[in-house]
PDB file of N, CA and C in Angstrom:
ATOM      1  N   MET A   1      43.379  -6.406   4.005  1.00  0.00           N
ATOM      2  CA  MET A   1      42.703  -7.657   3.757  1.00  0.00           C
ATOM      3  C   MET A   1      42.735  -8.543   5.013  1.00  0.00           C
ATOM      4  N   LYS A   2      43.813  -8.471   5.761  1.00  0.00           N
ATOM      5  CA  LYS A   2      43.923  -9.289   6.973  1.00  0.00           C
ATOM      6  C   LYS A   2      42.824  -8.945   7.972  1.00  0.00           C
ATOM      7  N   VAL A   3      42.486  -7.664   8.078  1.00  0.00           N
ATOM      8  CA  VAL A   3      41.440  -7.242   9.015  1.00  0.00           C
ATOM      9  C   VAL A   3      40.106  -7.882   8.640  1.00  0.00           C
ATOM     10  N   VAL A   4      39.814  -7.943   7.350  1.00  0.00           N
ATOM     11  CA  VAL A   4      38.559  -8.555   6.888  1.00  0.00           C
ATOM     12  C   VAL A   4      38.563 -10.048   7.211  1.00  0.00           C
ATOM     13  N   CYS A   5      39.671 -10.714   6.966  1.00  0.00           N
ATOM     14  CA  CYS A   5      39.775 -12.149   7.264  1.00  0.00           C
ATOM     15  C   CYS A   5      39.628 -12.412   8.765  1.00  0.00           C
ATOM     16  N   ASP A   6      40.271 -11.565   9.574  1.00  0.00           N
ATOM     17  CA  ASP A   6      40.154 -11.708  11.034  1.00  0.00           C
ATOM     18  C   ASP A   6      38.731 -11.459  11.506  1.00  0.00           C
ATOM     19  N   ALA A   7      38.065 -10.461  10.915  1.00  0.00           N
ATOM     20  CA  ALA A   7      36.679 -10.151  11.288  1.00  0.00           C
ATOM     21  C   ALA A   7      35.751 -11.308  10.922  1.00  0.00           C
ATOM     22  N   LYS A   8      35.992 -11.932   9.784  1.00  0.00           N
ATOM     23  CA  LYS A   8      35.179 -13.086   9.377  1.00  0.00           C
ATOM     24  C   LYS A   8      35.365 -14.223  10.377  1.00  0.00           C
ATOM     25  N   GLU A   9      36.597 -14.495  10.728  1.00  0.00           N
ATOM     26  CA  GLU A   9      36.887 -15.570  11.681  1.00  0.00           C
ATOM     27  C   GLU A   9      36.226 -15.296  13.035  1.00  0.00           C
ATOM     28  N   HIS A  10      36.324 -14.050  13.498  1.00  0.00           N
ATOM     29  CA  HIS A  10      35.701 -13.678  14.773  1.00  0.00           C
ATOM     30  C   HIS A  10      34.179 -13.842  14.701  1.00  0.00           C
ATOM     31  N   HIS A  11      33.589 -13.397  13.602  1.00  0.00           N
ATOM     32  CA  HIS A  11      32.136 -13.525  13.445  1.00  0.00           C
ATOM     33  C   HIS A  11      31.707 -14.986  13.498  1.00  0.00           C
ATOM     34  N   ASP A  12      32.392 -15.818  12.738  1.00  0.00           N
ATOM     35  CA  ASP A  12      32.011 -17.230  12.668  1.00  0.00           C
ATOM     36  C   ASP A  12      32.136 -17.935  14.026  1.00  0.00           C
ATOM     37  N   LYS A  13      33.052 -17.474  14.859  1.00  0.00           N
ATOM     38  CA  LYS A  13      33.213 -18.074  16.190  1.00  0.00           C
ATOM     39  C   LYS A  13      32.190 -17.551  17.191  1.00  0.00           C
ATOM     40  N   THR A  14      31.714 -16.314  17.005  1.00  0.00           N
ATOM     41  CA  THR A  14      30.893 -15.679  18.034  1.00  0.00           C
ATOM     42  C   THR A  14      29.459 -15.369  17.619  1.00  0.00           C
ATOM     43  N   CYS A  15      29.050 -15.686  16.412  1.00  0.00           N
ATOM     44  CA  CYS A  15      27.702 -15.343  15.935  1.00  0.00           C
ATOM     45  C   CYS A  15      26.639 -16.003  16.814  1.00  0.00           C
ATOM     46  N   ARG A  16      25.757 -15.191  17.378  1.00  0.00           N
ATOM     47  CA  ARG A  16      24.728 -15.740  18.277  1.00  0.00           C
ATOM     48  C   ARG A  16      23.703 -16.593  17.533  1.00  0.00           C
ATOM     49  N   TRP A  17      23.621 -16.445  16.188  1.00  0.00           N
ATOM     50  CA  TRP A  17      22.687 -17.259  15.407  1.00  0.00           C
ATOM     51  C   TRP A  17      23.403 -18.439  14.754  1.00  0.00           C
ATOM     52  N   LYS A  18      24.690 -18.612  15.079  1.00  0.00           N
ATOM     53  CA  LYS A  18      25.503 -19.732  14.568  1.00  0.00           C
ATOM     54  C   LYS A  18      25.636 -19.718  13.053  1.00  0.00           C
ATOM     55  N   GLY A  19      25.595 -18.520  12.475  1.00  0.00           N
ATOM     56  CA  GLY A  19      25.714 -18.398  11.021  1.00  0.00           C
ATOM     57  C   GLY A  19      27.156 -18.253  10.581  1.00  0.00           C
ATOM     58  N   LYS A  20      27.355 -18.358   9.295  1.00  0.00           N
ATOM     59  CA  LYS A  20      28.662 -18.144   8.686  1.00  0.00           C
ATOM     60  C   LYS A  20      28.639 -16.806   7.950  1.00  0.00           C
ATOM     61  N   ALA A  21      29.677 -16.034   8.093  1.00  0.00           N
ATOM     62  CA  ALA A  21      29.769 -14.714   7.483  1.00  0.00           C
ATOM     63  C   ALA A  21      29.647 -14.797   5.966  1.00  0.00           C
ATOM     64  N   THR A  22      28.907 -13.835   5.388  1.00  0.00           N
ATOM     65  CA  THR A  22      28.718 -13.800   3.935  1.00  0.00           C
ATOM     66  C   THR A  22      29.091 -12.447   3.328  1.00  0.00           C
ATOM     67  N   GLU A  23      29.001 -11.368   4.116  1.00  0.00           N
ATOM     68  CA  GLU A  23      29.255 -10.035   3.579  1.00  0.00           C
ATOM     69  C   GLU A  23      30.081  -9.209   4.557  1.00  0.00           C
ATOM     70  N   VAL A  24      30.850  -8.278   3.980  1.00  0.00           N
ATOM     71  CA  VAL A  24      31.546  -7.281   4.797  1.00  0.00           C
ATOM     72  C   VAL A  24      31.061  -5.918   4.321  1.00  0.00           C
ATOM     73  N   HIS A  25      30.480  -5.158   5.245  1.00  0.00           N
ATOM     74  CA  HIS A  25      29.956  -3.827   4.947  1.00  0.00           C
ATOM     75  C   HIS A  25      31.017  -2.802   5.295  1.00  0.00           C
ATOM     76  N   MET A  26      31.290  -1.902   4.350  1.00  0.00           N
ATOM     77  CA  MET A  26      32.325  -0.889   4.541  1.00  0.00           C
ATOM     78  C   MET A  26      31.843   0.442   3.978  1.00  0.00           C
ATOM     79  N   ALA A  27      32.479   1.530   4.411  1.00  0.00           N
ATOM     80  CA  ALA A  27      32.196   2.856   3.867  1.00  0.00           C
ATOM     81  C   ALA A  27      32.656   2.900   2.404  1.00  0.00           C
ATOM     82  N   PHE A  28      31.923   3.674   1.594  1.00  0.00           N
ATOM     83  CA  PHE A  28      32.269   3.814   0.179  1.00  0.00           C
ATOM     84  C   PHE A  28      33.725   4.268   0.021  1.00  0.00           C
ATOM     85  N   PHE A  29      34.129   5.228   0.828  1.00  0.00           N
ATOM     86  CA  PHE A  29      35.487   5.784   0.759  1.00  0.00           C
ATOM     87  C   PHE A  29      36.542   4.705   0.979  1.00  0.00           C
ATOM     88  N   ASP A  30      36.339   3.860   1.976  1.00  0.00           N
ATOM     89  CA  ASP A  30      37.332   2.830   2.295  1.00  0.00           C
ATOM     90  C   ASP A  30      37.454   1.798   1.175  1.00  0.00           C
ATOM     91  N   ILE A  31      36.326   1.444   0.585  1.00  0.00           N
ATOM     92  CA  ILE A  31      36.355   0.477  -0.521  1.00  0.00           C
ATOM     93  C   ILE A  31      37.174   1.047  -1.679  1.00  0.00           C
ATOM     94  N   GLU A  32      36.909   2.302  -2.012  1.00  0.00           N
ATOM     95  CA  GLU A  32      37.628   2.947  -3.103  1.00  0.00           C
ATOM     96  C   GLU A  32      39.117   3.105  -2.776  1.00  0.00           C
ATOM     97  N   ARG A  33      39.414   3.512  -1.538  1.00  0.00           N
ATOM     98  CA  ARG A  33      40.800   3.724  -1.109  1.00  0.00           C
ATOM     99  C   ARG A  33      41.623   2.440  -1.218  1.00  0.00           C
ATOM    100  N   LEU A  34      40.988   1.301  -0.937  1.00  0.00           N
ATOM    101  CA  LEU A  34      41.691   0.021  -1.002  1.00  0.00           C
ATOM    102  C   LEU A  34      41.790  -0.529  -2.431  1.00  0.00           C
ATOM    103  N   GLY A  35      41.138   0.157  -3.372  1.00  0.00           N
ATOM    104  CA  GLY A  35      41.169  -0.298  -4.759  1.00  0.00           C
ATOM    105  C   GLY A  35      40.193  -1.428  -5.030  1.00  0.00           C
ATOM    106  N   TRP A  36      39.230  -1.612  -4.133  1.00  0.00           N
ATOM    107  CA  TRP A  36      38.223  -2.643  -4.297  1.00  0.00           C
ATOM    108  C   TRP A  36      36.968  -2.026  -4.914  1.00  0.00           C
ATOM    109  N   GLU A  37      36.036  -2.893  -5.286  1.00  0.00           N
ATOM    110  CA  GLU A  37      34.741  -2.444  -5.796  1.00  0.00           C
ATOM    111  C   GLU A  37      33.651  -3.211  -5.078  1.00  0.00           C
ATOM    112  N   GLU A  38      32.473  -2.593  -4.995  1.00  0.00           N
ATOM    113  CA  GLU A  38      31.349  -3.288  -4.387  1.00  0.00           C
ATOM    114  C   GLU A  38      31.088  -4.562  -5.188  1.00  0.00           C
ATOM    115  N   GLY A  39      30.913  -5.661  -4.489  1.00  0.00           N
ATOM    116  CA  GLY A  39      30.699  -6.952  -5.143  1.00  0.00           C
ATOM    117  C   GLY A  39      31.943  -7.823  -5.195  1.00  0.00           C
ATOM    118  N   ASP A  40      33.116  -7.213  -4.964  1.00  0.00           N
ATOM    119  CA  ASP A  40      34.348  -8.011  -4.901  1.00  0.00           C
ATOM    120  C   ASP A  40      34.227  -9.020  -3.766  1.00  0.00           C
ATOM    121  N   VAL A  41      34.948 -10.120  -3.880  1.00  0.00           N
ATOM    122  CA  VAL A  41      34.958 -11.127  -2.825  1.00  0.00           C
ATOM    123  C   VAL A  41      36.330 -11.112  -2.162  1.00  0.00           C
ATOM    124  N   ILE A  42      36.337 -10.786  -0.862  1.00  0.00           N
ATOM    125  CA  ILE A  42      37.564 -10.720  -0.084  1.00  0.00           C
ATOM    126  C   ILE A  42      37.439 -11.716   1.062  1.00  0.00           C
ATOM    127  N   CYS A  43      38.350 -12.662   1.138  1.00  0.00           N
ATOM    128  CA  CYS A  43      38.330 -13.705   2.176  1.00  0.00           C
ATOM    129  C   CYS A  43      36.987 -14.434   2.209  1.00  0.00           C
ATOM    130  N   GLY A  44      36.373 -14.589   1.059  1.00  0.00           N
ATOM    131  CA  GLY A  44      35.093 -15.302   0.973  1.00  0.00           C
ATOM    132  C   GLY A  44      33.883 -14.448   1.318  1.00  0.00           C
ATOM    133  N   LEU A  45      34.082 -13.145   1.560  1.00  0.00           N
ATOM    134  CA  LEU A  45      32.985 -12.242   1.888  1.00  0.00           C
ATOM    135  C   LEU A  45      32.746 -11.273   0.738  1.00  0.00           C
ATOM    136  N   VAL A  46      31.485 -11.035   0.417  1.00  0.00           N
ATOM    137  CA  VAL A  46      31.135 -10.067  -0.617  1.00  0.00           C
ATOM    138  C   VAL A  46      31.240  -8.665  -0.018  1.00  0.00           C
ATOM    139  N   VAL A  47      31.942  -7.772  -0.699  1.00  0.00           N
ATOM    140  CA  VAL A  47      32.109  -6.392  -0.242  1.00  0.00           C
ATOM    141  C   VAL A  47      30.835  -5.613  -0.567  1.00  0.00           C
ATOM    142  N   VAL A  48      30.268  -4.966   0.468  1.00  0.00           N
ATOM    143  CA  VAL A  48      29.047  -4.185   0.315  1.00  0.00           C
ATOM    144  C   VAL A  48      29.329  -2.756   0.770  1.00  0.00           C
ATOM    145  N   ALA A  49      29.054  -1.787  -0.103  1.00  0.00           N
ATOM    146  CA  ALA A  49      29.180  -0.378   0.277  1.00  0.00           C
ATOM    147  C   ALA A  49      27.980  -0.030   1.147  1.00  0.00           C
ATOM    148  N   ASP A  50      28.253   0.512   2.323  1.00  0.00           N
ATOM    149  CA  ASP A  50      27.189   0.770   3.300  1.00  0.00           C
ATOM    150  C   ASP A  50      27.385   2.164   3.890  1.00  0.00           C
ATOM    151  N   GLY A  51      26.448   3.053   3.609  1.00  0.00           N
ATOM    152  CA  GLY A  51      26.528   4.423   4.083  1.00  0.00           C
ATOM    153  C   GLY A  51      26.387   4.569   5.584  1.00  0.00           C
ATOM    154  N   THR A  52      25.947   3.515   6.270  1.00  0.00           N
ATOM    155  CA  THR A  52      25.803   3.597   7.728  1.00  0.00           C
ATOM    156  C   THR A  52      27.077   3.201   8.459  1.00  0.00           C
ATOM    157  N   VAL A  53      28.056   2.688   7.735  1.00  0.00           N
ATOM    158  CA  VAL A  53      29.336   2.289   8.344  1.00  0.00           C
ATOM    159  C   VAL A  53      30.320   3.436   8.162  1.00  0.00           C
ATOM    160  N   THR A  54      30.900   3.909   9.246  1.00  0.00           N
ATOM    161  CA  THR A  54      31.838   5.027   9.168  1.00  0.00           C
ATOM    162  C   THR A  54      33.193   4.565   8.643  1.00  0.00           C
ATOM    163  N   SER A  55      33.933   5.502   8.096  1.00  0.00           N
ATOM    164  CA  SER A  55      35.249   5.207   7.542  1.00  0.00           C
ATOM    165  C   SER A  55      36.165   4.632   8.618  1.00  0.00           C
ATOM    166  N   GLY A  56      36.914   3.621   8.251  1.00  0.00           N
ATOM    167  CA  GLY A  56      37.837   2.983   9.178  1.00  0.00           C
ATOM    168  C   GLY A  56      37.213   1.834   9.953  1.00  0.00           C
ATOM    169  N   ARG A  57      35.935   1.576   9.733  1.00  0.00           N
ATOM    170  CA  ARG A  57      35.245   0.492  10.425  1.00  0.00           C
ATOM    171  C   ARG A  57      34.641  -0.449   9.386  1.00  0.00           C
ATOM    172  N   LEU A  58      34.261  -1.626   9.831  1.00  0.00           N
ATOM    173  CA  LEU A  58      33.567  -2.558   8.955  1.00  0.00           C
ATOM    174  C   LEU A  58      32.574  -3.361   9.783  1.00  0.00           C
ATOM    175  N   ARG A  59      31.607  -3.963   9.094  1.00  0.00           N
ATOM    176  CA  ARG A  59      30.606  -4.782   9.773  1.00  0.00           C
ATOM    177  C   ARG A  59      30.425  -6.056   8.964  1.00  0.00           C
ATOM    178  N   VAL A  60      30.560  -7.188   9.618  1.00  0.00           N
ATOM    179  CA  VAL A  60      30.400  -8.488   8.969  1.00  0.00           C
ATOM    180  C   VAL A  60      28.991  -8.994   9.272  1.00  0.00           C
ATOM    181  N   THR A  61      28.294  -9.465   8.241  1.00  0.00           N
ATOM    182  CA  THR A  61      26.945  -9.993   8.423  1.00  0.00           C
ATOM    183  C   THR A  61      26.840 -11.393   7.831  1.00  0.00           C
ATOM    184  N   CYS A  62      25.768 -12.086   8.216  1.00  0.00           N
ATOM    185  CA  CYS A  62      25.537 -13.433   7.695  1.00  0.00           C
ATOM    186  C   CYS A  62      24.053 -13.625   7.407  1.00  0.00           C
ATOM    187  N   ASP A  63      23.721 -14.672   6.675  1.00  0.00           N
ATOM    188  CA  ASP A  63      22.333 -14.961   6.321  1.00  0.00           C
ATOM    189  C   ASP A  63      21.513 -15.430   7.508  1.00  0.00           C
ATOM    190  N   ALA A  64      22.167 -15.831   8.585  1.00  0.00           N
ATOM    191  CA  ALA A  64      21.438 -16.331   9.751  1.00  0.00           C
ATOM    192  C   ALA A  64      20.847 -15.205  10.591  1.00  0.00           C
ATOM    193  N   GLU A  65      21.311 -13.971  10.383  1.00  0.00           N
ATOM    194  CA  GLU A  65      20.788 -12.846  11.162  1.00  0.00           C
ATOM    195  C   GLU A  65      19.321 -12.618  10.802  1.00  0.00           C
ATOM    196  N   PRO A  66      18.474 -12.400  11.801  1.00  0.00           N
ATOM    197  CA  PRO A  66      17.033 -12.270  11.576  1.00  0.00           C
ATOM    198  C   PRO A  66      16.647 -11.177  10.587  1.00  0.00           C
ATOM    199  N   ASP A  67      17.376 -10.058  10.573  1.00  0.00           N
ATOM    200  CA  ASP A  67      17.022  -8.971   9.662  1.00  0.00           C
ATOM    201  C   ASP A  67      17.841  -9.010   8.373  1.00  0.00           C
ATOM    202  N   GLY A  68      18.493 -10.136   8.109  1.00  0.00           N
ATOM    203  CA  GLY A  68      19.280 -10.278   6.897  1.00  0.00           C
ATOM    204  C   GLY A  68      20.594  -9.519   6.933  1.00  0.00           C
ATOM    205  N   GLY A  69      20.983  -9.047   8.124  1.00  0.00           N
ATOM    206  CA  GLY A  69      22.252  -8.353   8.252  1.00  0.00           C
ATOM    207  C   GLY A  69      22.149  -6.847   8.116  1.00  0.00           C
ATOM    208  N   GLY A  70      20.995  -6.375   7.697  1.00  0.00           N
ATOM    209  CA  GLY A  70      20.815  -4.925   7.550  1.00  0.00           C
ATOM    210  C   GLY A  70      19.863  -4.399   8.589  1.00  0.00           C
ATOM    211  N   ARG A  71      19.912  -3.114   8.795  1.00  0.00           N
ATOM    212  CA  ARG A  71      18.980  -2.482   9.726  1.00  0.00           C
ATOM    213  C   ARG A  71      18.099  -1.537   8.941  1.00  0.00           C
ATOM    214  N   LYS A  72      16.891  -1.404   9.391  1.00  0.00           N
ATOM    215  CA  LYS A  72      16.001  -0.438   8.791  1.00  0.00           C
ATOM    216  C   LYS A  72      16.245   0.907   9.451  1.00  0.00           C
ATOM    217  N   GLU A  73      16.066   1.980   8.683  1.00  0.00           N
ATOM    218  CA  GLU A  73      16.350   3.316   9.208  1.00  0.00           C
ATOM    219  C   GLU A  73      15.532   3.620  10.449  1.00  0.00           C
ATOM    220  N   GLU A  74      14.255   3.250  10.462  1.00  0.00           N
ATOM    221  CA  GLU A  74      13.433   3.559  11.626  1.00  0.00           C
ATOM    222  C   GLU A  74      13.913   2.832  12.877  1.00  0.00           C
ATOM    223  N   GLU A  75      14.515   1.644  12.727  1.00  0.00           N
ATOM    224  CA  GLU A  75      15.067   0.932  13.879  1.00  0.00           C
ATOM    225  C   GLU A  75      16.255   1.699  14.448  1.00  0.00           C
ATOM    226  N   GLU A  76      17.135   2.208  13.572  1.00  0.00           N
ATOM    227  CA  GLU A  76      18.303   2.943  14.023  1.00  0.00           C
ATOM    228  C   GLU A  76      17.882   4.222  14.732  1.00  0.00           C
ATOM    229  N   VAL A  77      16.940   4.944  14.167  1.00  0.00           N
ATOM    230  CA  VAL A  77      16.487   6.187  14.769  1.00  0.00           C
ATOM    231  C   VAL A  77      15.867   5.905  16.124  1.00  0.00           C
ATOM    232  N   GLU A  78      15.063   4.853  16.215  1.00  0.00           N
ATOM    233  CA  GLU A  78      14.423   4.510  17.483  1.00  0.00           C
ATOM    234  C   GLU A  78      15.463   4.189  18.547  1.00  0.00           C
ATOM    235  N   GLU A  79      16.502   3.457  18.184  1.00  0.00           N
ATOM    236  CA  GLU A  79      17.546   3.120  19.143  1.00  0.00           C
ATOM    237  C   GLU A  79      18.248   4.364  19.638  1.00  0.00           C
ATOM    238  N   VAL A  80      18.560   5.291  18.757  1.00  0.00           N
ATOM    239  CA  VAL A  80      19.253   6.513  19.150  1.00  0.00           C
ATOM    240  C   VAL A  80      18.368   7.339  20.069  1.00  0.00           C
ATOM    241  N   VAL A  81      17.103   7.502  19.723  1.00  0.00           N
ATOM    242  CA  VAL A  81      16.190   8.284  20.547  1.00  0.00           C
ATOM    243  C   VAL A  81      16.072   7.664  21.928  1.00  0.00           C
ATOM    244  N   ASP A  82      15.931   6.349  22.006  1.00  0.00           N
ATOM    245  CA  ASP A  82      15.841   5.686  23.301  1.00  0.00           C
ATOM    246  C   ASP A  82      17.101   5.911  24.125  1.00  0.00           C
ATOM    247  N   ALA A  83      18.251   5.810  23.490  1.00  0.00           N
ATOM    248  CA  ALA A  83      19.512   5.964  24.213  1.00  0.00           C
ATOM    249  C   ALA A  83      19.670   7.392  24.735  1.00  0.00           C
ATOM    250  N   VAL A  84      19.229   8.354  23.975  1.00  0.00           N
ATOM    251  CA  VAL A  84      19.370   9.740  24.390  1.00  0.00           C
ATOM    252  C   VAL A  84      18.341  10.108  25.444  1.00  0.00           C
ATOM    253  N   SER A  85      17.113   9.644  25.285  1.00  0.00           N
ATOM    254  CA  SER A  85      16.044  10.097  26.158  1.00  0.00           C
ATOM    255  C   SER A  85      16.017   9.413  27.525  1.00  0.00           C
ATOM    256  N   THR A  86      16.776   8.351  27.713  1.00  0.00           N
ATOM    257  CA  THR A  86      16.748   7.658  29.001  1.00  0.00           C
ATOM    258  C   THR A  86      17.732   8.231  30.007  1.00  0.00           C
ATOM    259  N   ARG A  87      18.524   9.197  29.598  1.00  0.00           N
ATOM    260  CA  ARG A  87      19.545   9.740  30.482  1.00  0.00           C
ATOM    261  C   ARG A  87      19.420  11.250  30.602  1.00  0.00           C
ATOM    262  N   GLU A  88      19.427  11.753  31.795  1.00  0.00           N
ATOM    263  CA  GLU A  88      19.343  13.182  32.024  1.00  0.00           C
ATOM    264  C   GLU A  88      20.756  13.761  32.082  1.00  0.00           C
ATOM    265  N   LEU A  89      20.956  14.888  31.421  1.00  0.00           N
ATOM    266  CA  LEU A  89      22.277  15.516  31.408  1.00  0.00           C
ATOM    267  C   LEU A  89      22.587  16.142  32.761  1.00  0.00           C
ATOM    268  N   GLN A  90      23.820  15.964  33.202  1.00  0.00           N
ATOM    269  CA  GLN A  90      24.290  16.533  34.464  1.00  0.00           C
ATOM    270  C   GLN A  90      25.406  17.522  34.151  1.00  0.00           C
ATOM    271  N   PRO A  91      25.291  18.766  34.604  1.00  0.00           N
ATOM    272  CA  PRO A  91      26.361  19.729  34.340  1.00  0.00           C
ATOM    273  C   PRO A  91      27.647  19.320  35.056  1.00  0.00           C
ATOM    274  N   VAL A  92      28.765  19.475  34.365  1.00  0.00           N
ATOM    275  CA  VAL A  92      30.075  19.159  34.944  1.00  0.00           C
ATOM    276  C   VAL A  92      31.081  20.212  34.522  1.00  0.00           C
ATOM    277  N   GLY A  93      32.169  20.246  35.190  1.00  0.00           N
ATOM    278  CA  GLY A  93      33.248  21.147  34.799  1.00  0.00           C
ATOM    279  C   GLY A  93      33.752  21.945  35.977  1.00  0.00           C
ATOM    280  N   PRO A  94      34.888  22.581  35.799  1.00  0.00           N
ATOM    281  CA  PRO A  94      35.476  23.352  36.890  1.00  0.00           C
ATOM    282  C   PRO A  94      34.594  24.537  37.245  1.00  0.00           C
ATOM    283  N   GLY A  95      34.377  24.721  38.503  1.00  0.00           N
ATOM    284  CA  GLY A  95      33.651  25.882  38.967  1.00  0.00           C
ATOM    285  C   GLY A  95      32.149  25.799  38.902  1.00  0.00           C
ATOM    286  N   TYR A  96      31.619  24.683  38.418  1.00  0.00           N
ATOM    287  CA  TYR A  96      30.158  24.608  38.329  1.00  0.00           C
ATOM    288  C   TYR A  96      29.579  24.649  39.735  1.00  0.00           C
ATOM    289  N   GLY A  97      28.707  25.610  39.969  1.00  0.00           N
ATOM    290  CA  GLY A  97      28.088  25.737  41.276  1.00  0.00           C
ATOM    291  C   GLY A  97      28.949  26.494  42.272  1.00  0.00           C
ATOM    292  N   SER A  98      30.140  26.900  41.872  1.00  0.00           N
ATOM    293  CA  SER A  98      31.048  27.623  42.766  1.00  0.00           C
ATOM    294  C   SER A  98      30.823  29.126  42.607  1.00  0.00           C
ATOM    295  N   SER A  99      30.814  29.857  43.709  1.00  0.00           N
ATOM    296  CA  SER A  99      30.569  31.298  43.652  1.00  0.00           C
ATOM    297  C   SER A  99      31.813  32.079  43.221  1.00  0.00           C
ATOM    298  N   ASN A 100      32.989  31.465  43.284  1.00  0.00           N
ATOM    299  CA  ASN A 100      34.191  32.201  42.913  1.00  0.00           C
ATOM    300  C   ASN A 100      34.695  31.839  41.512  1.00  0.00           C
ATOM    301  N   TRP A 101      33.849  31.308  40.687  1.00  0.00           N
ATOM    302  CA  TRP A 101      34.231  30.923  39.323  1.00  0.00           C
ATOM    303  C   TRP A 101      34.323  32.151  38.450  1.00  0.00           C
ATOM    304  N   ARG A 102      35.401  32.247  37.666  1.00  0.00           N
ATOM    305  CA  ARG A 102      35.563  33.377  36.742  1.00  0.00           C
ATOM    306  C   ARG A 102      35.936  32.848  35.366  1.00  0.00           C
ATOM    307  N   CYS A 103      35.526  33.554  34.398  1.00  0.00           N
ATOM    308  CA  CYS A 103      35.885  33.228  33.014  1.00  0.00           C
ATOM    309  C   CYS A 103      37.089  34.061  32.614  1.00  0.00           C
ATOM    310  N   CYS A 104      37.993  33.467  31.899  1.00  0.00           N
ATOM    311  CA  CYS A 104      39.143  34.121  31.280  1.00  0.00           C
ATOM    312  C   CYS A 104      40.062  34.617  32.327  1.00  0.00           C
TER     313      CYS A 104
END
């Protein structure tokens, strides 16, 4: 519970839209593990089960966020594609390009 309270405090101090935190998004597993239920109010935040949040992490949102605190799937996919496609892979590792490299 302390982590949620600390996250709310951090959000309220640093929110670029100057909003106040209203929800904490968590993985379904974490909510169940803590004995909470979706809709519970913890530190003044409504608990929301969110399949996009990985276990062990949480995301605090507020009503001031332009997209209402949620992301659309196509936005997430677009961001991932952009991040992957802007960088060319460079081979690395021991012996790469070396003529005396041996396996095993």
